[in-house]
C-alpha atoms as a PDB file:
ATOM      1  CA  MET A   1      10.549  -2.047  -7.012  1.00  0.00           C
ATOM      2  CA  GLU A   2      12.971  -4.029  -4.866  1.00  0.00           C
ATOM      3  CA  ASN A   3      15.686  -3.670  -7.503  1.00  0.00           C
ATOM      4  CA  TYR A   4      15.135   0.099  -7.630  1.00  0.00           C
ATOM      5  CA  ILE A   5      15.473   0.353  -3.846  1.00  0.00           C
ATOM      6  CA  LYS A   6      18.563  -1.862  -3.883  1.00  0.00           C
ATOM      7  CA  ASN A   7      20.330   0.494  -6.312  1.00  0.00           C
ATOM      8  CA  PHE A   8      18.698   3.704  -5.077  1.00  0.00           C
ATOM      9  CA  GLU A   9      21.761   5.389  -3.612  1.00  0.00           C
ATOM     10  CA  LEU A  10      23.837   4.604  -6.684  1.00  0.00           C
ATOM     11  CA  PHE A  11      21.782   6.956  -8.864  1.00  0.00           C
ATOM     12  CA  ASN A  12      23.367  10.391  -9.271  1.00  0.00           C
ATOM     13  CA  GLU A  13      20.436  12.533 -10.415  1.00  0.00           C
ATOM     14  CA  ILE A  14      18.041  13.386  -7.584  1.00  0.00           C
ATOM     15  CA  ILE A  15      14.404  14.523  -7.762  1.00  0.00           C
ATOM     16  CA  VAL A  16      12.398  15.667  -4.712  1.00  0.00           C
ATOM     17  CA  TYR A  17       8.594  15.424  -4.799  1.00  0.00           C
ATOM     18  CA  ASP A  18       7.088  18.288  -2.789  1.00  0.00           C
ATOM     19  CA  PHE A  19       3.360  17.866  -2.068  1.00  0.00           C
ATOM     20  CA  ASN A  20       1.629  20.098   0.462  1.00  0.00           C
ATOM     21  CA  ILE A  21      -1.921  20.472   1.714  1.00  0.00           C
ATOM     22  CA  TYR A  22      -2.913  23.106  -0.866  1.00  0.00           C
ATOM     23  CA  ASN A  23      -1.585  21.124  -3.859  1.00  0.00           C
ATOM     24  CA  GLY A  24      -4.661  18.946  -4.347  1.00  0.00           C
ATOM     25  CA  GLY A  25      -6.422  15.949  -2.894  1.00  0.00           C
ATOM     26  CA  ILE A  26      -5.046  12.566  -1.950  1.00  0.00           C
ATOM     27  CA  GLY A  27      -5.752  11.255  -5.455  1.00  0.00           C
ATOM     28  CA  ASP A  28      -3.578  13.972  -6.994  1.00  0.00           C
ATOM     29  CA  CYS A  29      -0.844  13.362  -4.440  1.00  0.00           C
ATOM     30  CA  ILE A  30      -0.534   9.635  -5.075  1.00  0.00           C
ATOM     31  CA  LYS A  31      -1.137   9.359  -8.806  1.00  0.00           C
ATOM     32  CA  ILE A  32       1.305  12.165  -9.671  1.00  0.00           C
ATOM     33  CA  TYR A  33       3.944  10.723  -7.354  1.00  0.00           C
ATOM     34  CA  MET A  34       3.527   7.333  -9.028  1.00  0.00           C
ATOM     35  CA  TYR A  35       3.815   8.909 -12.466  1.00  0.00           C
ATOM     36  CA  ILE A  36       7.120  10.554 -11.517  1.00  0.00           C
ATOM     37  CA  LEU A  37       8.363   7.439  -9.713  1.00  0.00           C
ATOM     38  CA  ASN A  38       7.902   5.286 -12.775  1.00  0.00           C
ATOM     39  CA  LEU A  39       9.830   7.794 -14.878  1.00  0.00           C
ATOM     40  CA  CYS A  40      12.630   7.811 -12.307  1.00  0.00           C
ATOM     41  CA  ILE A  41      12.772   4.021 -12.187  1.00  0.00           C
ATOM     42  CA  LYS A  42      13.008   3.944 -15.960  1.00  0.00           C
ATOM     43  CA  ASP A  43      15.738   6.622 -16.085  1.00  0.00           C
ATOM     44  CA  ASN A  44      17.710   5.507 -12.996  1.00  0.00           C
ATOM     45  CA  LYS A  45      17.020   8.632 -10.939  1.00  0.00           C
ATOM     46  CA  ARG A  46      16.498   8.933  -7.212  1.00  0.00           C
ATOM     47  CA  LEU A  47      13.018  10.165  -6.262  1.00  0.00           C
ATOM     48  CA  TYR A  48      12.516  11.392  -2.717  1.00  0.00           C
ATOM     49  CA  TYR A  49       9.178  12.189  -1.108  1.00  0.00           C
ATOM     50  CA  LYS A  50       9.537  15.389   0.912  1.00  0.00           C
ATOM     51  CA  LYS A  51       8.061  15.180   4.406  1.00  0.00           C
ATOM     52  CA  ASN A  52       5.863  18.219   5.010  1.00  0.00           C
ATOM     53  CA  ASN A  53       4.304  16.977   8.262  1.00  0.00           C
ATOM     54  CA  ILE A  54       0.753  17.012   6.916  1.00  0.00           C
ATOM     55  CA  LEU A  55      -1.840  14.593   8.239  1.00  0.00           C
ATOM     56  CA  ILE A  56      -2.151  12.406   5.159  1.00  0.00           C
ATOM     57  CA  GLU A  57       1.488  11.377   5.680  1.00  0.00           C
ATOM     58  CA  ASN A  58       0.408   9.666   8.923  1.00  0.00           C
ATOM     59  CA  TYR A  59      -2.201   7.533   7.209  1.00  0.00           C
ATOM     60  CA  ILE A  60      -0.842   6.482   3.830  1.00  0.00           C
ATOM     61  CA  LYS A  61       2.874   5.769   3.983  1.00  0.00           C
ATOM     62  CA  LEU A  62       5.732   4.694   1.782  1.00  0.00           C
ATOM     63  CA  LYS A  63       6.844   1.114   2.321  1.00  0.00           C
ATOM     64  CA  TYR A  64      10.487   2.152   2.036  1.00  0.00           C
ATOM     65  CA  ASP A  65      11.770   4.764   4.487  1.00  0.00           C
ATOM     66  CA  ILE A  66      14.746   5.428   2.230  1.00  0.00           C
ATOM     67  CA  LEU A  67      12.391   7.293  -0.133  1.00  0.00           C
ATOM     68  CA  TYR A  68      11.593  10.031   2.411  1.00  0.00           C
ATOM     69  CA  ILE A  69      13.561  13.252   2.768  1.00  0.00           C
ATOM     70  CA  HIS A  70      13.337  16.228   5.143  1.00  0.00           C
ATOM     71  CA  ASP A  71      14.013  19.929   4.474  1.00  0.00           C
ATOM     72  CA  GLU A  72      17.424  19.934   6.094  1.00  0.00           C
ATOM     73  CA  LYS A  73      18.649  17.146   3.814  1.00  0.00           C
ATOM     74  CA  ILE A  74      17.693  18.871   0.549  1.00  0.00           C
ATOM     75  CA  LEU A  75      20.688  20.273  -1.323  1.00  0.00           C
ATOM     76  CA  ASN A  76      20.890  22.950  -4.022  1.00  0.00           C
ATOM     77  CA  ASN A  77      21.668  20.459  -6.768  1.00  0.00           C
ATOM     78  CA  TYR A  78      18.434  18.534  -6.121  1.00  0.00           C
ATOM     79  CA  THR A  79      15.526  19.148  -8.497  1.00  0.00           C
ATOM     80  CA  ILE A  80      12.288  19.890  -6.625  1.00  0.00           C
ATOM     81  CA  VAL A  81       9.052  19.066  -8.433  1.00  0.00           C
ATOM     82  CA  LYS A  82       5.520  20.029  -7.422  1.00  0.00           C
ATOM     83  CA  PRO A  83       2.229  18.398  -8.508  1.00  0.00           C
ATOM     84  CA  ASN A  84       1.056  21.386 -10.591  1.00  0.00           C
ATOM     85  CA  MET A  85       4.037  20.843 -12.904  1.00  0.00           C
ATOM     86  CA  PHE A  86       2.423  17.595 -14.087  1.00  0.00           C
ATOM     87  CA  TYR A  87      -1.280  18.427 -14.318  1.00  0.00           C
ATOM     88  CA  ASP A  88      -1.046  18.767 -18.105  1.00  0.00           C
ATOM     89  CA  LYS A  89       0.864  15.499 -18.471  1.00  0.00           C
ATOM     90  CA  ILE A  90      -1.306  13.184 -16.419  1.00  0.00           C
ATOM     91  CA  ASN A  91      -5.065  13.031 -16.326  1.00  0.00           C
ATOM     92  CA  ASN A  92      -7.837  10.726 -15.228  1.00  0.00           C
ATOM     93  CA  ASN A  93      -7.045   8.093 -17.858  1.00  0.00           C
ATOM     94  CA  TYR A  94      -4.477   6.788 -15.372  1.00  0.00           C
ATOM     95  CA  CYS A  95      -6.000   3.299 -15.134  1.00  0.00           C
ATOM     96  CA  GLU A  96      -6.692   2.932 -18.828  1.00  0.00           C
ATOM     97  CA  ASN A  97      -3.347   3.538 -20.497  1.00  0.00           C
ATOM     98  CA  ASN A  98      -1.334   3.198 -17.271  1.00  0.00           C
ATOM     99  CA  TYR A  99       1.406   5.419 -18.748  1.00  0.00           C
ATOM    100  CA  GLY A 100       3.622   2.358 -19.134  1.00  0.00           C
ATOM    101  CA  TYR A 101       3.575   1.759 -15.372  1.00  0.00           C
ATOM    102  CA  PHE A 102       4.953  -1.523 -14.191  1.00  0.00           C
ATOM    103  CA  ILE A 103       4.244  -1.271 -10.465  1.00  0.00           C
ATOM    104  CA  ASN A 104       0.991  -0.917  -8.550  1.00  0.00           C
ATOM    105  CA  ILE A 105       0.483   1.723  -5.890  1.00  0.00           C
ATOM    106  CA  GLY A 106       0.242  -1.080  -3.342  1.00  0.00           C
ATOM    107  CA  ASP A 107       3.870  -1.973  -4.135  1.00  0.00           C
ATOM    108  CA  VAL A 108       4.917   1.468  -2.911  1.00  0.00           C
ATOM    109  CA  PHE A 109       2.369   2.685  -0.326  1.00  0.00           C
ATOM    110  CA  TYR A 110       0.478   1.134   2.564  1.00  0.00           C
ATOM    111  CA  PHE A 111      -2.277   2.265   4.932  1.00  0.00           C
ATOM    112  CA  SER A 112      -1.500   2.812   8.610  1.00  0.00           C
ATOM    113  CA  ASP A 113      -3.049   0.820  11.460  1.00  0.00           C
ATOM    114  CA  GLU A 114      -5.123   3.899  12.340  1.00  0.00           C
ATOM    115  CA  ILE A 115      -6.853   3.655   8.970  1.00  0.00           C
ATOM    116  CA  ILE A 116      -7.494  -0.072   9.274  1.00  0.00           C
ATOM    117  CA  ASN A 117      -8.841   0.303  12.808  1.00  0.00           C
ATOM    118  CA  ASN A 118     -11.020   3.245  11.789  1.00  0.00           C
ATOM    119  CA  SER A 119     -12.525   1.207   8.958  1.00  0.00           C
ATOM    120  CA  LEU A 120     -13.975  -1.125  11.600  1.00  0.00           C
ATOM    121  CA  LEU A 121     -15.662   1.856  13.252  1.00  0.00           C
ATOM    122  CA  ILE A 122     -17.223   3.596  10.250  1.00  0.00           C
ATOM    123  CA  PHE A 123     -18.031   0.594   8.033  1.00  0.00           C
ATOM    124  CA  PRO A 124     -20.106  -2.529   8.786  1.00  0.00           C
ATOM    125  CA  LYS A 125     -17.731  -5.128  10.265  1.00  0.00           C
ATOM    126  CA  SER A 126     -19.739  -8.035   8.903  1.00  0.00           C
ATOM    127  CA  ILE A 127     -19.314  -6.991   5.256  1.00  0.00           C
ATOM    128  CA  SER A 128     -16.072  -7.812   3.469  1.00  0.00           C
ATOM    129  CA  ASN A 129     -17.310  -8.903   0.050  1.00  0.00           C
ATOM    130  CA  TYR A 130     -18.556  -5.942  -1.965  1.00  0.00           C
ATOM    131  CA  ILE A 131     -18.256  -3.869  -5.114  1.00  0.00           C
ATOM    132  CA  SER A 132     -18.059  -0.077  -5.058  1.00  0.00           C
ATOM    133  CA  ILE A 133     -19.474   2.956  -6.783  1.00  0.00           C
ATOM    134  CA  HIS A 134     -17.569   6.195  -6.312  1.00  0.00           C
ATOM    135  CA  LEU A 135     -19.217   9.497  -7.126  1.00  0.00           C
ATOM    136  CA  ARG A 136     -17.327  12.768  -6.893  1.00  0.00           C
ATOM    137  CA  LEU A 137     -19.826  15.604  -7.190  1.00  0.00           C
ATOM    138  CA  GLY A 138     -17.110  18.250  -6.890  1.00  0.00           C
ATOM    139  CA  ASP A 139     -16.001  20.899  -4.410  1.00  0.00           C
ATOM    140  CA  LYS A 140     -19.099  22.999  -5.066  1.00  0.00           C
ATOM    141  CA  PHE A 141     -21.153  20.308  -3.313  1.00  0.00           C
ATOM    142  CA  LEU A 142     -18.952  19.944  -0.229  1.00  0.00           C
ATOM    143  CA  GLU A 143     -21.101  20.502   2.856  1.00  0.00           C
ATOM    144  CA  ILE A 144     -19.125  23.280   4.546  1.00  0.00           C
ATOM    145  CA  LYS A 145     -20.655  25.266   7.412  1.00  0.00           C
ATOM    146  CA  ASN A 146     -18.303  28.247   7.156  1.00  0.00           C
ATOM    147  CA  LYS A 147     -20.138  30.549   4.721  1.00  0.00           C
ATOM    148  CA  ARG A 148     -17.062  32.608   3.818  1.00  0.00           C
ATOM    149  CA  ILE A 149     -15.034  29.519   2.924  1.00  0.00           C
ATOM    150  CA  LYS A 150     -18.027  27.985   1.155  1.00  0.00           C
ATOM    151  CA  ASN A 151     -18.365  31.070  -1.051  1.00  0.00           C
ATOM    152  CA  ILE A 152     -14.681  30.914  -1.961  1.00  0.00           C
ATOM    153  CA  ILE A 153     -14.926  27.231  -2.877  1.00  0.00           C
ATOM    154  CA  ASP A 154     -18.162  27.741  -4.816  1.00  0.00           C
ATOM    155  CA  LYS A 155     -16.423  30.309  -7.023  1.00  0.00           C
ATOM    156  CA  LYS A 156     -14.098  27.546  -8.235  1.00  0.00           C
ATOM    157  CA  ASN A 157     -17.238  26.026  -9.752  1.00  0.00           C
ATOM    158  CA  ASP A 158     -15.875  22.485  -9.423  1.00  0.00           C
ATOM    159  CA  ILE A 159     -18.783  20.368 -10.669  1.00  0.00           C
ATOM    160  CA  ARG A 160     -18.340  16.823 -12.035  1.00  0.00           C
ATOM    161  CA  TYR A 161     -20.588  15.339 -14.686  1.00  0.00           C
ATOM    162  CA  PHE A 162     -22.409  12.109 -13.808  1.00  0.00           C
ATOM    163  CA  SER A 163     -25.428  10.114 -14.935  1.00  0.00           C
ATOM    164  CA  LEU A 164     -27.911   9.109 -12.248  1.00  0.00           C
ATOM    165  CA  GLU A 165     -29.452   6.678 -14.720  1.00  0.00           C
ATOM    166  CA  LYS A 166     -26.141   4.845 -15.100  1.00  0.00           C
ATOM    167  CA  ILE A 167     -25.703   4.621 -11.330  1.00  0.00           C
ATOM    168  CA  ASP A 168     -29.218   3.249 -10.923  1.00  0.00           C
ATOM    169  CA  LYS A 169     -28.592   0.749 -13.714  1.00  0.00           C
ATOM    170  CA  ILE A 170     -25.465  -0.620 -12.015  1.00  0.00           C
ATOM    171  CA  VAL A 171     -27.269  -0.948  -8.695  1.00  0.00           C
ATOM    172  CA  GLU A 172     -30.214  -2.719 -10.360  1.00  0.00           C
ATOM    173  CA  GLU A 173     -27.860  -5.106 -12.198  1.00  0.00           C
ATOM    174  CA  ASN A 174     -26.084  -5.998  -8.950  1.00  0.00           C
ATOM    175  CA  LYS A 175     -29.006  -6.565  -6.590  1.00  0.00           C
ATOM    176  CA  ASP A 176     -27.302  -9.649  -5.149  1.00  0.00           C
ATOM    177  CA  GLU A 177     -24.142  -7.735  -4.265  1.00  0.00           C
ATOM    178  CA  TYR A 178     -23.364  -5.403  -1.411  1.00  0.00           C
ATOM    179  CA  ILE A 179     -22.451  -2.066  -2.984  1.00  0.00           C
ATOM    180  CA  PHE A 180     -20.278   0.431  -1.127  1.00  0.00           C
ATOM    181  CA  PHE A 181     -21.444   3.852  -2.288  1.00  0.00           C
ATOM    182  CA  CYS A 182     -18.727   6.435  -1.718  1.00  0.00           C
ATOM    183  CA  CYS A 183     -19.584  10.076  -2.345  1.00  0.00           C
ATOM    184  CA  ASP A 184     -18.256  13.490  -1.305  1.00  0.00           C
ATOM    185  CA  ASN A 185     -21.736  14.721  -0.351  1.00  0.00           C
ATOM    186  CA  TYR A 186     -23.390  13.160   2.700  1.00  0.00           C
ATOM    187  CA  SER A 187     -26.966  14.048   1.722  1.00  0.00           C
ATOM    188  CA  PHE A 188     -26.585  12.409  -1.692  1.00  0.00           C
ATOM    189  CA  ARG A 189     -25.063   9.208  -0.368  1.00  0.00           C
ATOM    190  CA  GLN A 190     -27.714   8.919   2.365  1.00  0.00           C
ATOM    191  CA  LYS A 191     -30.446   9.438  -0.231  1.00  0.00           C
ATOM    192  CA  THR A 192     -28.933   6.662  -2.360  1.00  0.00           C
ATOM    193  CA  LYS A 193     -28.760   4.307   0.624  1.00  0.00           C
ATOM    194  CA  ASP A 194     -32.405   4.962   1.445  1.00  0.00           C
ATOM    195  CA  LYS A 195     -33.330   4.121  -2.142  1.00  0.00           C
ATOM    196  CA  TYR A 196     -31.660   0.700  -2.314  1.00  0.00           C
ATOM    197  CA  ASN A 197     -31.416  -2.127   0.245  1.00  0.00           C
ATOM    198  CA  ASN A 198     -28.020  -3.367  -0.947  1.00  0.00           C
ATOM    199  CA  ILE A 199     -26.249  -0.002  -0.689  1.00  0.00           C
ATOM    200  CA  ILE A 200     -23.824   0.413   2.214  1.00  0.00           C
ATOM    201  CA  ILE A 201     -22.142   3.650   3.256  1.00  0.00           C
ATOM    202  CA  THR A 202     -19.794   4.704   6.027  1.00  0.00           C
ATOM    203  CA  ASN A 203     -20.809   6.891   8.926  1.00  0.00           C
ATOM    204  CA  GLY A 204     -17.616   8.875   8.483  1.00  0.00           C
ATOM    205  CA  GLU A 205     -17.323  12.618   8.093  1.00  0.00           C
ATOM    206  CA  ILE A 206     -16.709  13.989   4.599  1.00  0.00           C
ATOM    207  CA  GLY A 207     -13.971  16.479   3.827  1.00  0.00           C
ATOM    208  CA  HIS A 208     -11.412  17.328   1.155  1.00  0.00           C
ATOM    209  CA  THR A 209      -7.794  16.817   2.201  1.00  0.00           C
ATOM    210  CA  SER A 210      -6.570  19.857   0.234  1.00  0.00           C
ATOM    211  CA  TYR A 211      -8.293  22.437   2.469  1.00  0.00           C
ATOM    212  CA  LEU A 212      -6.952  23.836   5.738  1.00  0.00           C
ATOM    213  CA  ILE A 213     -10.486  23.902   7.167  1.00  0.00           C
ATOM    214  CA  THR A 214     -10.775  20.117   6.837  1.00  0.00           C
ATOM    215  CA  SER A 215     -10.736  18.599  10.324  1.00  0.00           C
ATOM    216  CA  PRO A 216      -8.388  15.772  11.426  1.00  0.00           C
ATOM    217  CA  LYS A 217     -11.460  13.525  11.759  1.00  0.00           C
ATOM    218  CA  GLN A 218     -12.531  14.282   8.190  1.00  0.00           C
ATOM    219  CA  ILE A 219      -9.036  13.551   6.876  1.00  0.00           C
ATOM    220  CA  LEU A 220      -8.907  10.255   8.775  1.00  0.00           C
ATOM    221  CA  ASP A 221     -12.345   9.234   7.500  1.00  0.00           C
ATOM    222  CA  SER A 222     -11.577  10.284   3.920  1.00  0.00           C
ATOM    223  CA  LEU A 223      -8.413   8.196   3.839  1.00  0.00           C
ATOM    224  CA  THR A 224     -10.355   5.329   5.409  1.00  0.00           C
ATOM    225  CA  GLU A 225     -12.902   5.486   2.598  1.00  0.00           C
ATOM    226  CA  LEU A 226     -10.040   5.299   0.113  1.00  0.00           C
ATOM    227  CA  TYR A 227      -8.795   2.192   1.952  1.00  0.00           C
ATOM    228  CA  LEU A 228     -12.277   0.643   1.803  1.00  0.00           C
ATOM    229  CA  LEU A 229     -12.428   1.265  -1.944  1.00  0.00           C
ATOM    230  CA  THR A 230      -9.117  -0.589  -2.365  1.00  0.00           C
ATOM    231  CA  LYS A 231     -10.710  -3.635  -0.707  1.00  0.00           C
ATOM    232  CA  SER A 232     -13.656  -3.871  -3.101  1.00  0.00           C
ATOM    233  CA  LYS A 233     -13.894  -6.434  -5.893  1.00  0.00           C
ATOM    234  CA  LYS A 234     -14.655  -3.847  -8.546  1.00  0.00           C
ATOM    235  CA  ILE A 235     -14.938  -0.066  -8.712  1.00  0.00           C
ATOM    236  CA  TYR A 236     -17.443   1.834 -10.826  1.00  0.00           C
ATOM    237  CA  ALA A 237     -16.360   5.455 -11.271  1.00  0.00           C
ATOM    238  CA  ALA A 238     -19.532   7.501 -11.645  1.00  0.00           C
ATOM    239  CA  SER A 239     -17.601  10.721 -12.336  1.00  0.00           C
ATOM    240  CA  SER A 240     -14.101  11.944 -13.013  1.00  0.00           C
ATOM    241  CA  SER A 241     -11.897  11.674  -9.904  1.00  0.00           C
ATOM    242  CA  GLY A 242      -8.360  10.696  -9.012  1.00  0.00           C
ATOM    243  CA  PHE A 243      -9.694   9.202  -5.760  1.00  0.00           C
ATOM    244  CA  SER A 244     -11.273   6.140  -7.386  1.00  0.00           C
ATOM    245  CA  ILE A 245      -8.453   5.862  -9.904  1.00  0.00           C
ATOM    246  CA  VAL A 246      -5.867   5.573  -7.135  1.00  0.00           C
ATOM    247  CA  ALA A 247      -8.059   3.100  -5.239  1.00  0.00           C
ATOM    248  CA  ALA A 248      -8.353   0.856  -8.302  1.00  0.00           C
ATOM    249  CA  ASN A 249      -4.653   0.969  -9.095  1.00  0.00           C
ATOM    250  CA  PHE A 250      -3.687   0.229  -5.497  1.00  0.00           C
ATOM    251  CA  ASN A 251      -4.444  -3.479  -5.860  1.00  0.00           C
ATOM    252  CA  ASN A 252      -5.138  -3.651  -9.598  1.00  0.00           C
ATOM    253  CA  ILE A 253      -8.923  -3.732  -9.118  1.00  0.00           C
ATOM    254  CA  PRO A 254     -11.192  -3.683 -12.214  1.00  0.00           C
ATOM    255  CA  TYR A 255     -12.149  -0.072 -12.907  1.00  0.00           C
ATOM    256  CA  ILE A 256     -15.233   0.797 -14.947  1.00  0.00           C
ATOM    257  CA  LYS A 257     -16.072   4.354 -16.024  1.00  0.00           C
ATOM    258  CA  LEU A 258     -19.705   5.441 -16.024  1.00  0.00           C
ATOM    259  CA  TYR A 259     -19.021   8.945 -17.370  1.00  0.00           C
END
């Protein structure tokens, strides 16, 4: 990565990555950017990350400021790419075949101090040695109070397959381990915690970063849960989600699919 940055301004062809709040969740944002970045490193192209002044940009940041670009700096001969252009090219096998990647996400991004400090508020301070299970139930199960918005989201019918038996099996096999259970539905994660003594959860608020109705607190807590996943020894993915995939690839953590 250092060599790419060293020669960055020598590359003639320029790509601009344009991710905005309605383009997907944080998992989509990061894994698609990394996919494009690796292609640009391979082909000696400049890849800029367009600043759109959305909250996630405050919490997970590029290590190299040279990679950022603002609207006023974008020229007509720059190629702008959006995440939806790559949905058919990259999927949730990201950690398995790695698309020929040769850098981890942690070589490119870092979490802000606000995220680290918030992790001490929503997660037990005394626990630093743990494995994780991440379950994404899907947007249909987001606990949204606004009925109109909830109806709109429900129509998307975003439901992820998972096996409760497989989750229970992993918990039973790891009774001597603390297990961070991360889920996008508060009722489900609380129910799981009540069922097992070794399950730990955050007291953070749950929200999806791709929706305008998601509060700043929910965005902060969601990014903090991603940070906490990156600190675990191992991640079990109970359902299909870019969130756990990005967390595992951040520090090259073992990633085990349960679906």
